[in-house]
């Protein structure tokens, strides 16, 4: 029950706050995540979210826990993210609402995303219209949470 991390919240209800997380917190969350999604060693996650935020922390831990592959981007670039999805056979694309909106409105063929199982959006509420537009454009399920 010792503190292992102090990631910051997104600040959606005010200023970002440091949140104390224990080894048990992270281990439990990783187990819940991998069990709920059924992730395993064959899965590939594209991760461009910051590691100082809980979203980035949990993704890296969860994919380590299931022995999945992680493709880490130093900073987000839409076209590069699509190329990496195609090159590495990415199965999980984790984003925030502005990136889902950018994907939905991108004037590019999203065929490079054919290996994706899901696009996840978190850290803030995702409006329904961009999610639906991206699903219709790509045929990939967009999940909020």
Protein backbone atom coordinates (compact mmCIF):
# COMPACT_ATOMS: atom_id res chain seq x y z
CA UNK A 1 0.00 0.00 0.00
CA UNK A 2 2.98 2.31 -0.44
CA UNK A 3 2.62 5.24 -2.83
CA UNK A 4 4.19 4.44 -6.20
CA UNK A 5 3.03 7.33 -8.41
CA UNK A 6 1.71 10.87 -8.26
CA UNK A 7 0.11 11.46 -11.69
CA UNK A 8 -1.92 14.57 -12.34
CA UNK A 9 -5.61 14.74 -13.14
CA UNK A 10 -6.80 16.51 -16.28
CA UNK A 11 -8.23 19.43 -14.35
CA UNK A 12 -11.69 19.13 -15.92
CA UNK A 13 -13.27 20.30 -12.63
CA UNK A 14 -10.63 22.92 -11.82
CA UNK A 15 -6.85 22.90 -11.65
CA UNK A 16 -5.02 19.60 -12.27
CA UNK A 17 -4.39 17.80 -9.02
CA UNK A 18 -1.75 15.28 -8.01
CA UNK A 19 -3.34 11.95 -7.10
CA UNK A 20 -1.58 9.50 -4.79
CA UNK A 21 -1.60 5.99 -6.21
CA UNK A 22 -0.39 2.87 -4.45
CA UNK A 23 1.06 -0.30 -5.91
CA UNK A 24 -2.30 -1.94 -5.18
CA UNK A 25 -4.18 0.83 -7.05
CA UNK A 26 -2.10 0.40 -10.19
CA UNK A 27 -2.05 -3.39 -10.08
CA UNK A 28 -5.83 -3.55 -9.58
CA UNK A 29 -6.48 -1.11 -12.41
CA UNK A 30 -4.16 -2.99 -14.77
CA UNK A 31 -5.91 -6.27 -13.96
CA UNK A 32 -9.36 -4.74 -14.47
CA UNK A 33 -8.28 -3.18 -17.77
CA UNK A 34 -6.70 -6.31 -19.25
CA UNK A 35 -9.56 -8.53 -18.07
CA UNK A 36 -12.31 -6.23 -19.37
CA UNK A 37 -10.68 -5.80 -22.79
CA UNK A 38 -9.22 -9.28 -23.09
CA UNK A 39 -5.85 -7.84 -24.09
CA UNK A 40 -2.93 -10.21 -24.46
CA UNK A 41 0.57 -10.53 -25.89
CA UNK A 42 -0.73 -10.25 -29.48
CA UNK A 43 -2.12 -6.74 -28.93
CA UNK A 44 -0.34 -3.54 -29.94
CA UNK A 45 -1.12 -0.16 -28.37
CA UNK A 46 -0.24 3.20 -29.85
CA UNK A 47 0.53 5.50 -26.92
CA UNK A 48 1.14 9.21 -27.34
CA UNK A 49 -0.51 10.38 -24.13
CA UNK A 50 1.78 11.98 -21.54
CA UNK A 51 3.21 9.73 -18.86
CA UNK A 52 2.69 12.40 -16.19
CA UNK A 53 -1.09 11.96 -16.65
CA UNK A 54 -2.95 8.97 -15.25
CA UNK A 55 -4.17 8.00 -18.74
CA UNK A 56 -0.60 7.48 -19.98
CA UNK A 57 0.49 5.78 -16.75
CA UNK A 58 -2.35 3.26 -16.84
CA UNK A 59 -1.87 2.41 -20.51
CA UNK A 60 1.79 1.62 -20.17
CA UNK A 61 1.19 -0.49 -17.05
CA UNK A 62 -1.74 -2.35 -18.56
CA UNK A 63 0.11 -3.30 -21.72
CA UNK A 64 3.14 -4.36 -19.71
CA UNK A 65 0.83 -6.52 -17.57
CA UNK A 66 -0.54 -8.40 -20.59
CA UNK A 67 2.83 -8.56 -22.39
CA UNK A 68 1.41 -6.49 -25.23
CA UNK A 69 3.51 -4.32 -27.51
CA UNK A 70 3.61 -0.57 -26.98
CA UNK A 71 4.40 1.89 -29.75
CA UNK A 72 5.37 5.14 -28.03
CA UNK A 73 5.17 8.50 -29.80
CA UNK A 74 7.15 11.36 -28.27
CA UNK A 75 4.47 13.80 -29.39
CA UNK A 76 1.27 13.39 -31.34
CA UNK A 77 1.17 13.81 -35.09
CA UNK A 78 -1.99 12.62 -36.84
CA UNK A 79 -0.43 11.36 -40.07
CA UNK A 80 2.48 9.73 -38.26
CA UNK A 81 0.01 7.97 -35.93
CA UNK A 82 -1.79 6.50 -38.95
CA UNK A 83 1.50 5.35 -40.47
CA UNK A 84 2.51 3.71 -37.17
CA UNK A 85 -0.85 1.92 -36.98
CA UNK A 86 -0.26 0.41 -40.41
CA UNK A 87 3.43 -0.37 -39.87
CA UNK A 88 3.00 -2.07 -36.48
CA UNK A 89 -0.51 -3.54 -36.77
CA UNK A 90 -1.85 -1.43 -33.91
CA UNK A 91 -4.96 -2.93 -32.29
CA UNK A 92 -5.73 -0.23 -29.68
CA UNK A 93 -5.63 3.52 -30.34
CA UNK A 94 -5.99 5.62 -27.19
CA UNK A 95 -6.92 9.26 -27.61
CA UNK A 96 -8.62 12.30 -26.16
CA UNK A 97 -11.70 14.00 -27.69
CA UNK A 98 -9.80 16.57 -29.82
CA UNK A 99 -7.85 13.73 -31.47
CA UNK A 100 -11.03 11.74 -32.14
CA UNK A 101 -12.42 14.90 -33.77
CA UNK A 102 -9.23 15.27 -35.84
CA UNK A 103 -9.45 11.63 -36.98
CA UNK A 104 -13.13 12.04 -37.86
CA UNK A 105 -12.42 15.16 -39.94
CA UNK A 106 -9.08 14.11 -41.43
CA UNK A 107 -9.11 14.32 -45.23
CA UNK A 108 -7.25 11.01 -45.46
CA UNK A 109 -8.12 7.38 -46.05
CA UNK A 110 -8.37 5.61 -42.70
CA UNK A 111 -7.58 2.26 -44.31
CA UNK A 112 -4.31 2.30 -42.38
CA UNK A 113 -6.40 1.60 -39.29
CA UNK A 114 -7.68 -1.77 -40.50
CA UNK A 115 -5.97 -3.69 -37.65
CA UNK A 116 -7.62 -1.58 -34.94
CA UNK A 117 -10.14 -3.22 -32.64
CA UNK A 118 -11.10 0.03 -30.89
CA UNK A 119 -10.41 3.72 -30.65
CA UNK A 120 -10.68 4.76 -27.00
CA UNK A 121 -11.35 8.32 -25.91
CA UNK A 122 -10.80 9.46 -22.35
CA UNK A 123 -9.73 12.28 -20.03
CA UNK A 124 -12.76 14.41 -21.01
CA UNK A 125 -16.30 13.88 -22.34
CA UNK A 126 -16.51 12.89 -26.01
CA UNK A 127 -19.35 14.49 -27.99
CA UNK A 128 -21.46 11.92 -29.83
CA UNK A 129 -21.15 13.46 -33.31
CA UNK A 130 -17.36 13.04 -33.76
CA UNK A 131 -17.54 9.49 -32.38
CA UNK A 132 -20.31 8.53 -34.82
CA UNK A 133 -18.56 10.24 -37.72
CA UNK A 134 -15.31 8.38 -37.02
CA UNK A 135 -17.14 5.05 -36.67
CA UNK A 136 -18.94 5.60 -40.00
CA UNK A 137 -15.76 6.72 -41.75
CA UNK A 138 -13.53 3.92 -40.45
CA UNK A 139 -15.83 1.08 -39.39
CA UNK A 140 -14.01 0.99 -36.03
CA UNK A 141 -15.83 1.11 -32.71
CA UNK A 142 -15.16 4.29 -30.71
CA UNK A 143 -15.38 3.81 -26.94
CA UNK A 144 -15.70 6.56 -24.34
CA UNK A 145 -14.25 5.95 -20.91
